[in-house]
């Protein structure tokens, strides 16, 4: 049997071919038997209707279709194997039958696993970082310190912008205002370091996604968008903002939000595929000690054992991939907030603020 293959977007492949009369005839008697066992006619017990009467009742075209469907199922594995195609969900089959006792054209639509191709990701990362505008570190430190000071005054219910007193610093557990100021200087450095790291990662991630050729199944993209939406709903609920109120304020529907999230969801999936490819090529393995430490931290937050260990292993591999790309790696303690939240890291630098 000759078949042709047509590649379509979103990892879909359509195989076209024709079942010959002889192919279908081999299944015709069985198809007729199935109808004979199912049909009920007055004057006959179920399963005892003569086949001639069965054929009159259901029509030769229906029997021919059923035989063709059986013939195609019988040939399906061989057809897919001849093109080395592995579907990730049941194939969709279309038969074109106009009359019985004739050849039957068919189409098989299958969804294959996601794939990505990217050349020299480490080189792309190096070139991206060279072009990245240098951070005005002094300015960022001032802004970070200013933000920390504002948060501290809010905690102490101090409305005016002024240096805090020793007594106010002691309320927060510090020896004096100088100790508090020293602490905030350190936290400002950490905030800027984190921002710079995410900015660099975001730039590299965008460059990698832009340079890759990827094929992502629609079903996986739909799942990712839905997962992003559910994660957003949880965050809003934790902040006391019902999702319906959020939609009303933005004059949006849930469908609108899903559509807005789709491009970012596709980028995230493509980046995951790129990282998986890099990890496979470099034969990366999780750091066992770090993985168990992170899993333990997650389990203390209520994450089930298996999910915690799986996620911790992914974090370990992901950090090693960043190292392969020439960026500093982080300790996984920064990744233990939640699997949904940390997955966003590196996907879009604009999402990260001090």
Protein backbone atom coordinates (compact mmCIF):
# COMPACT_ATOMS: atom_id res chain seq x y z
CA UNK A 1 0.00 0.00 0.00
CA UNK A 2 1.34 3.41 -1.01
CA UNK A 3 0.86 6.23 1.46
CA UNK A 4 1.85 9.87 1.54
CA UNK A 5 2.72 12.00 4.57
CA UNK A 6 1.87 15.65 5.09
CA UNK A 7 3.37 17.53 8.03
CA UNK A 8 1.15 20.17 9.61
CA UNK A 9 1.60 22.72 12.41
CA UNK A 10 1.47 21.70 16.08
CA UNK A 11 3.12 18.30 15.58
CA UNK A 12 0.26 16.97 13.48
CA UNK A 13 0.88 14.55 10.64
CA UNK A 14 -1.69 13.41 8.07
CA UNK A 15 -1.13 10.10 6.29
CA UNK A 16 -3.15 9.55 3.11
CA UNK A 17 -3.66 6.30 1.24
CA UNK A 18 -6.22 3.97 -0.29
CA UNK A 19 -7.60 0.65 0.89
CA UNK A 20 -8.08 -1.69 -2.03
CA UNK A 21 -11.18 -3.80 -2.59
CA UNK A 22 -9.18 -6.92 -1.69
CA UNK A 23 -8.03 -5.32 1.59
CA UNK A 24 -11.63 -4.59 2.56
CA UNK A 25 -13.06 -7.89 1.27
CA UNK A 26 -10.88 -9.75 3.76
CA UNK A 27 -12.90 -8.09 6.56
CA UNK A 28 -16.32 -8.04 4.88
CA UNK A 29 -17.68 -11.31 6.27
CA UNK A 30 -16.65 -10.35 9.81
CA UNK A 31 -18.30 -6.94 9.46
CA UNK A 32 -21.53 -8.57 8.29
CA UNK A 33 -21.38 -11.04 11.20
CA UNK A 34 -21.10 -8.14 13.65
CA UNK A 35 -24.26 -6.55 12.25
CA UNK A 36 -26.04 -9.91 12.34
CA UNK A 37 -25.29 -10.24 16.06
CA UNK A 38 -26.49 -6.70 16.81
CA UNK A 39 -29.63 -6.31 14.73
CA UNK A 40 -33.14 -7.19 15.89
CA UNK A 41 -36.03 -7.75 13.45
CA UNK A 42 -39.62 -8.88 14.09
CA UNK A 43 -39.98 -12.65 13.74
CA UNK A 44 -36.32 -13.36 14.39
CA UNK A 45 -34.39 -13.92 17.59
CA UNK A 46 -31.46 -11.55 18.16
CA UNK A 47 -28.40 -12.94 16.41
CA UNK A 48 -30.48 -15.26 14.22
CA UNK A 49 -31.43 -12.85 11.45
CA UNK A 50 -30.36 -14.21 8.03
CA UNK A 51 -27.47 -12.30 6.57
CA UNK A 52 -29.43 -11.47 3.43
CA UNK A 53 -32.05 -9.72 5.59
CA UNK A 54 -29.30 -8.00 7.59
CA UNK A 55 -27.80 -6.63 4.41
CA UNK A 56 -31.19 -5.37 3.27
CA UNK A 57 -31.73 -3.68 6.64
CA UNK A 58 -28.42 -1.89 7.15
CA UNK A 59 -27.44 -1.47 3.52
CA UNK A 60 -24.29 -2.64 1.70
CA UNK A 61 -22.60 0.75 2.16
CA UNK A 62 -22.70 0.46 5.97
CA UNK A 63 -21.21 -3.02 5.87
CA UNK A 64 -18.52 -1.87 3.46
CA UNK A 65 -17.65 1.03 5.75
CA UNK A 66 -17.40 -1.23 8.77
CA UNK A 67 -15.20 -3.64 6.85
CA UNK A 68 -13.00 -0.74 5.68
CA UNK A 69 -12.67 0.54 9.25
CA UNK A 70 -11.61 -2.94 10.38
CA UNK A 71 -9.14 -3.25 7.51
CA UNK A 72 -7.56 0.10 8.35
CA UNK A 73 -7.27 -0.78 12.05
CA UNK A 74 -5.55 -3.99 11.03
CA UNK A 75 -3.04 -2.07 8.91
CA UNK A 76 -2.61 0.93 11.25
CA UNK A 77 0.48 -0.27 13.13
CA UNK A 78 2.26 -1.14 9.90
CA UNK A 79 1.36 2.19 8.29
CA UNK A 80 2.63 4.20 11.25
CA UNK A 81 5.72 2.02 11.55
CA UNK A 82 6.61 2.50 7.89
CA UNK A 83 6.89 6.23 8.54
CA UNK A 84 8.42 5.82 12.04
CA UNK A 85 5.58 7.81 13.57
CA UNK A 86 4.56 7.39 17.21
CA UNK A 87 1.27 9.10 18.14
CA UNK A 88 0.78 10.48 21.63
CA UNK A 89 -3.00 10.11 21.42
CA UNK A 90 -5.43 7.96 19.42
CA UNK A 91 -5.34 8.74 15.67
CA UNK A 92 -8.29 10.43 13.96
CA UNK A 93 -9.42 8.49 10.90
CA UNK A 94 -11.37 9.74 7.90
CA UNK A 95 -12.73 7.33 5.25
CA UNK A 96 -14.19 8.51 1.94
CA UNK A 97 -16.83 5.93 0.89
CA UNK A 98 -19.28 6.68 -1.87
CA UNK A 99 -20.31 3.13 -2.83
CA UNK A 100 -19.69 -0.45 -1.80
CA UNK A 101 -17.24 -2.80 -3.51
CA UNK A 102 -14.85 0.02 -4.44
CA UNK A 103 -11.46 1.21 -3.21
CA UNK A 104 -11.66 3.50 -0.15
CA UNK A 105 -9.37 6.53 0.25
CA UNK A 106 -8.43 7.29 3.83
CA UNK A 107 -6.67 9.89 5.95
CA UNK A 108 -5.07 9.27 9.34
CA UNK A 109 -4.38 12.37 11.43
CA UNK A 110 -1.97 11.79 14.30
CA UNK A 111 -0.33 14.00 16.90
CA UNK A 112 3.33 13.20 17.45
CA UNK A 113 5.52 14.08 20.46
CA UNK A 114 6.82 17.67 20.65
CA UNK A 115 10.16 18.35 19.05
CA UNK A 116 12.73 21.12 18.88
CA UNK A 117 15.84 21.83 16.85
CA UNK A 118 18.41 24.40 17.87
CA UNK A 119 21.99 24.91 16.77
CA UNK A 120 24.76 25.83 19.25
CA UNK A 121 22.66 27.03 22.22
CA UNK A 122 25.77 27.89 24.27
CA UNK A 123 27.00 30.13 21.45
CA UNK A 124 23.60 31.82 21.25
CA UNK A 125 23.76 32.46 24.99
CA UNK A 126 27.27 33.96 24.79
CA UNK A 127 26.37 36.26 21.91
CA UNK A 128 23.17 37.35 23.63
CA UNK A 129 24.96 38.26 26.85
CA UNK A 130 27.58 40.23 24.93
CA UNK A 131 24.85 42.34 23.34
CA UNK A 132 22.87 42.79 26.55
CA UNK A 133 22.89 46.37 27.79
CA UNK A 134 24.93 46.72 30.97
CA UNK A 135 22.87 47.20 34.10
CA UNK A 136 23.17 50.55 35.88
CA UNK A 137 23.97 48.83 39.14
CA UNK A 138 24.29 51.99 41.23
CA UNK A 139 20.85 53.17 40.12
CA UNK A 140 19.31 49.76 40.73
CA UNK A 141 20.83 49.55 44.22
CA UNK A 142 19.39 52.95 45.10
CA UNK A 143 15.94 51.92 43.89
CA UNK A 144 16.11 48.62 45.71
CA UNK A 145 17.20 50.31 48.94
CA UNK A 146 14.46 52.91 48.55
CA UNK A 147 11.87 50.17 48.10
CA UNK A 148 13.11 48.31 51.19
CA UNK A 149 13.02 51.49 53.24
CA UNK A 150 9.44 52.16 52.15
CA UNK A 151 8.42 48.63 53.12
CA UNK A 152 10.12 49.01 56.50
CA UNK A 153 8.40 52.32 57.22
CA UNK A 154 5.06 50.75 56.28
CA UNK A 155 5.69 47.94 58.76
CA UNK A 156 6.44 50.49 61.46
CA UNK A 157 3.56 52.73 60.36
CA UNK A 158 5.94 55.64 59.78
CA UNK A 159 4.39 57.93 57.19
CA UNK A 160 7.17 60.48 56.59
CA UNK A 161 10.33 59.71 54.65
CA UNK A 162 13.08 60.08 57.24
CA UNK A 163 15.86 58.00 58.79
CA UNK A 164 14.49 55.48 61.29
CA UNK A 165 15.41 55.84 64.94
CA UNK A 166 17.18 53.30 67.09
CA UNK A 167 13.93 52.62 68.95
CA UNK A 168 12.12 51.90 65.68
CA UNK A 169 14.92 49.59 64.56
CA UNK A 170 14.70 47.71 67.87
CA UNK A 171 11.01 47.03 67.22
CA UNK A 172 12.15 44.97 64.23
CA UNK A 173 14.74 43.06 66.24
CA UNK A 174 17.83 45.11 65.33
CA UNK A 175 20.32 46.55 67.82
CA UNK A 176 20.04 50.03 66.38
CA UNK A 177 19.25 51.96 63.20
CA UNK A 178 22.79 51.45 61.85
CA UNK A 179 22.34 47.66 62.07
CA UNK A 180 19.00 47.92 60.27
CA UNK A 181 20.54 50.10 57.58
CA UNK A 182 23.40 47.63 57.12
CA UNK A 183 20.88 44.81 56.79
CA UNK A 184 18.91 46.69 54.13
CA UNK A 185 22.12 47.39 52.21
CA UNK A 186 22.76 43.66 52.08
CA UNK A 187 19.19 42.89 51.04
CA UNK A 188 19.40 45.52 48.30
CA UNK A 189 22.51 43.82 46.92
CA UNK A 190 20.71 40.47 46.95
CA UNK A 191 17.69 41.98 45.19
CA UNK A 192 19.81 43.56 42.46
CA UNK A 193 21.88 40.39 42.04
CA UNK A 194 18.66 38.39 41.66
CA UNK A 195 17.21 40.90 39.21
CA UNK A 196 20.40 40.91 37.14
CA UNK A 197 20.45 37.12 37.07
CA UNK A 198 16.84 36.90 35.93
CA UNK A 199 17.40 39.67 33.39
CA UNK A 200 20.30 37.74 31.88
CA UNK A 201 18.38 34.49 31.97
CA UNK A 202 15.36 36.13 30.40
CA UNK A 203 17.44 37.54 27.55
CA UNK A 204 19.08 34.17 26.89
CA UNK A 205 15.74 32.34 27.11
CA UNK A 206 14.15 34.67 24.57
CA UNK A 207 17.12 34.30 22.23
CA UNK A 208 17.01 30.50 22.47
CA UNK A 209 13.28 30.35 21.81
CA UNK A 210 13.66 32.74 18.88
CA UNK A 211 16.46 30.64 17.35
CA UNK A 212 14.71 27.28 17.78
CA UNK A 213 12.50 25.42 15.35
CA UNK A 214 9.84 23.77 17.47
CA UNK A 215 6.71 21.72 16.95
CA UNK A 216 4.39 21.68 19.95
CA UNK A 217 1.12 19.68 19.92
CA UNK A 218 -2.00 21.77 20.36
CA UNK A 219 -3.18 19.53 23.18
CA UNK A 220 -0.01 20.20 25.21
CA UNK A 221 -0.28 23.92 24.55
CA UNK A 222 -3.89 23.89 25.76
CA UNK A 223 -2.83 22.07 28.94
CA UNK A 224 -0.03 24.56 29.59
CA UNK A 225 -2.33 27.56 29.14
CA UNK A 226 -4.86 26.02 31.48
CA UNK A 227 -2.16 25.30 34.08
CA UNK A 228 -0.95 28.91 33.87
CA UNK A 229 -4.50 30.16 34.38
CA UNK A 230 -5.06 27.93 37.42
CA UNK A 231 -1.76 29.10 38.89
CA UNK A 232 -2.84 32.72 38.42
CA UNK A 233 -6.19 32.01 40.07
CA UNK A 234 -4.42 30.51 43.10
CA UNK A 235 -2.13 33.52 43.44
CA UNK A 236 -5.08 35.91 43.20
CA UNK A 237 -7.02 33.92 45.78
CA UNK A 238 -4.03 34.04 48.14
CA UNK A 239 -3.95 37.83 47.71
CA UNK A 240 -7.68 38.10 48.42
CA UNK A 241 -8.69 38.95 44.84
CA UNK A 242 -11.44 36.67 43.44
CA UNK A 243 -10.85 35.81 39.79
CA UNK A 244 -14.30 37.09 38.77
CA UNK A 245 -13.48 40.50 40.25
CA UNK A 246 -10.17 40.52 38.37
CA UNK A 247 -12.02 39.81 35.11
CA UNK A 248 -14.54 42.55 35.82
CA UNK A 249 -11.84 45.13 36.57
CA UNK A 250 -10.05 44.33 33.31
CA UNK A 251 -13.29 43.97 31.34
CA UNK A 252 -12.12 40.54 30.15
CA UNK A 253 -13.55 37.03 29.95
CA UNK A 254 -11.74 33.86 30.92
CA UNK A 255 -11.41 33.07 27.21
CA UNK A 256 -9.67 36.43 26.72
CA UNK A 257 -7.15 35.62 29.46
CA UNK A 258 -6.48 32.19 28.00
CA UNK A 259 -5.82 33.77 24.59
CA UNK A 260 -3.48 36.33 26.15
CA UNK A 261 -1.54 33.58 27.93
CA UNK A 262 -1.13 31.35 24.87
CA UNK A 263 2.01 33.01 23.37
CA UNK A 264 3.81 32.89 26.72
CA UNK A 265 2.69 29.29 27.26
CA UNK A 266 4.15 28.30 23.89
CA UNK A 267 7.46 30.02 24.72
CA UNK A 268 7.62 28.19 28.03
CA UNK A 269 7.01 24.83 26.38
CA UNK A 270 9.63 25.50 23.72
CA UNK A 271 12.14 26.55 26.37
CA UNK A 272 11.41 23.34 28.29
CA UNK A 273 12.11 21.36 25.10
CA UNK A 274 15.37 23.24 24.52
CA UNK A 275 16.50 22.60 28.09
CA UNK A 276 15.59 18.91 27.78
CA UNK A 277 17.65 18.68 24.59
CA UNK A 278 20.67 20.35 26.22
CA UNK A 279 20.36 18.11 29.29
CA UNK A 280 20.16 14.99 27.13
CA UNK A 281 23.12 15.98 24.95
CA UNK A 282 25.22 16.72 28.06
CA UNK A 283 23.99 13.58 29.91
CA UNK A 284 23.03 15.69 32.92
CA UNK A 285 21.81 13.97 36.08
CA UNK A 286 20.14 15.48 39.17
CA UNK A 287 22.37 16.38 42.10
CA UNK A 288 21.09 13.83 44.60
CA UNK A 289 21.92 15.77 47.78
CA UNK A 290 20.43 19.01 46.48
CA UNK A 291 17.41 17.18 45.06
CA UNK A 292 16.55 15.55 48.40
CA UNK A 293 17.04 18.83 50.27
CA UNK A 294 14.66 20.69 47.94
CA UNK A 295 12.13 17.84 47.97
CA UNK A 296 12.16 17.90 51.77
CA UNK A 297 11.49 21.64 51.78
CA UNK A 298 8.60 21.21 49.37
CA UNK A 299 7.10 18.35 51.38
CA UNK A 300 7.14 20.60 54.45
CA UNK A 301 4.95 22.97 52.41
CA UNK A 302 2.47 20.15 51.77
CA UNK A 303 3.66 18.96 48.34
CA UNK A 304 3.25 15.15 47.99
CA UNK A 305 6.46 13.10 48.19
CA UNK A 306 6.55 11.91 44.60
CA UNK A 307 5.69 15.30 43.09
CA UNK A 308 8.25 16.99 45.37
CA UNK A 309 11.09 14.69 44.30
CA UNK A 310 10.15 14.91 40.62
CA UNK A 311 10.08 18.68 40.74
CA UNK A 312 13.34 18.85 42.73
CA UNK A 313 15.04 16.69 40.10
CA UNK A 314 13.80 19.03 37.36
CA UNK A 315 15.12 22.04 39.27
CA UNK A 316 18.54 20.42 39.63
CA UNK A 317 18.74 19.63 35.92
CA UNK A 318 17.51 23.09 34.94
CA UNK A 319 20.18 24.81 37.02
CA UNK A 320 22.84 22.62 35.43
CA UNK A 321 21.57 23.61 32.00
CA UNK A 322 21.98 27.28 32.90
CA UNK A 323 25.56 26.39 33.80
CA UNK A 324 25.99 24.72 30.40
CA UNK A 325 24.84 28.00 28.85
CA UNK A 326 27.49 29.94 30.74
CA UNK A 327 25.27 31.56 33.36
CA UNK A 328 25.72 31.30 37.14
CA UNK A 329 23.62 28.62 38.79
CA UNK A 330 21.45 29.23 41.80
CA UNK A 331 20.93 27.21 44.94
CA UNK A 332 17.60 25.47 44.72
CA UNK A 333 16.31 27.13 47.87
CA UNK A 334 15.19 29.91 45.57
CA UNK A 335 13.07 27.40 43.69
CA UNK A 336 11.01 25.96 46.53
CA UNK A 337 8.11 28.43 46.55
CA UNK A 338 5.95 26.38 44.18
CA UNK A 339 6.47 24.43 40.95
CA UNK A 340 4.11 26.76 39.06
CA UNK A 341 5.79 29.99 40.17
CA UNK A 342 9.38 28.91 39.66
CA UNK A 343 8.68 27.63 36.16
CA UNK A 344 8.24 31.24 35.10
CA UNK A 345 11.82 32.10 36.05
CA UNK A 346 13.91 32.87 33.00
CA UNK A 347 10.94 32.86 30.62
CA UNK A 348 10.43 36.63 30.53
CA UNK A 349 12.79 39.09 32.15
CA UNK A 350 10.14 41.81 32.21
CA UNK A 351 8.19 39.84 34.81
CA UNK A 352 10.93 40.23 37.45
CA UNK A 353 11.01 43.32 39.65
CA UNK A 354 12.97 44.18 42.75
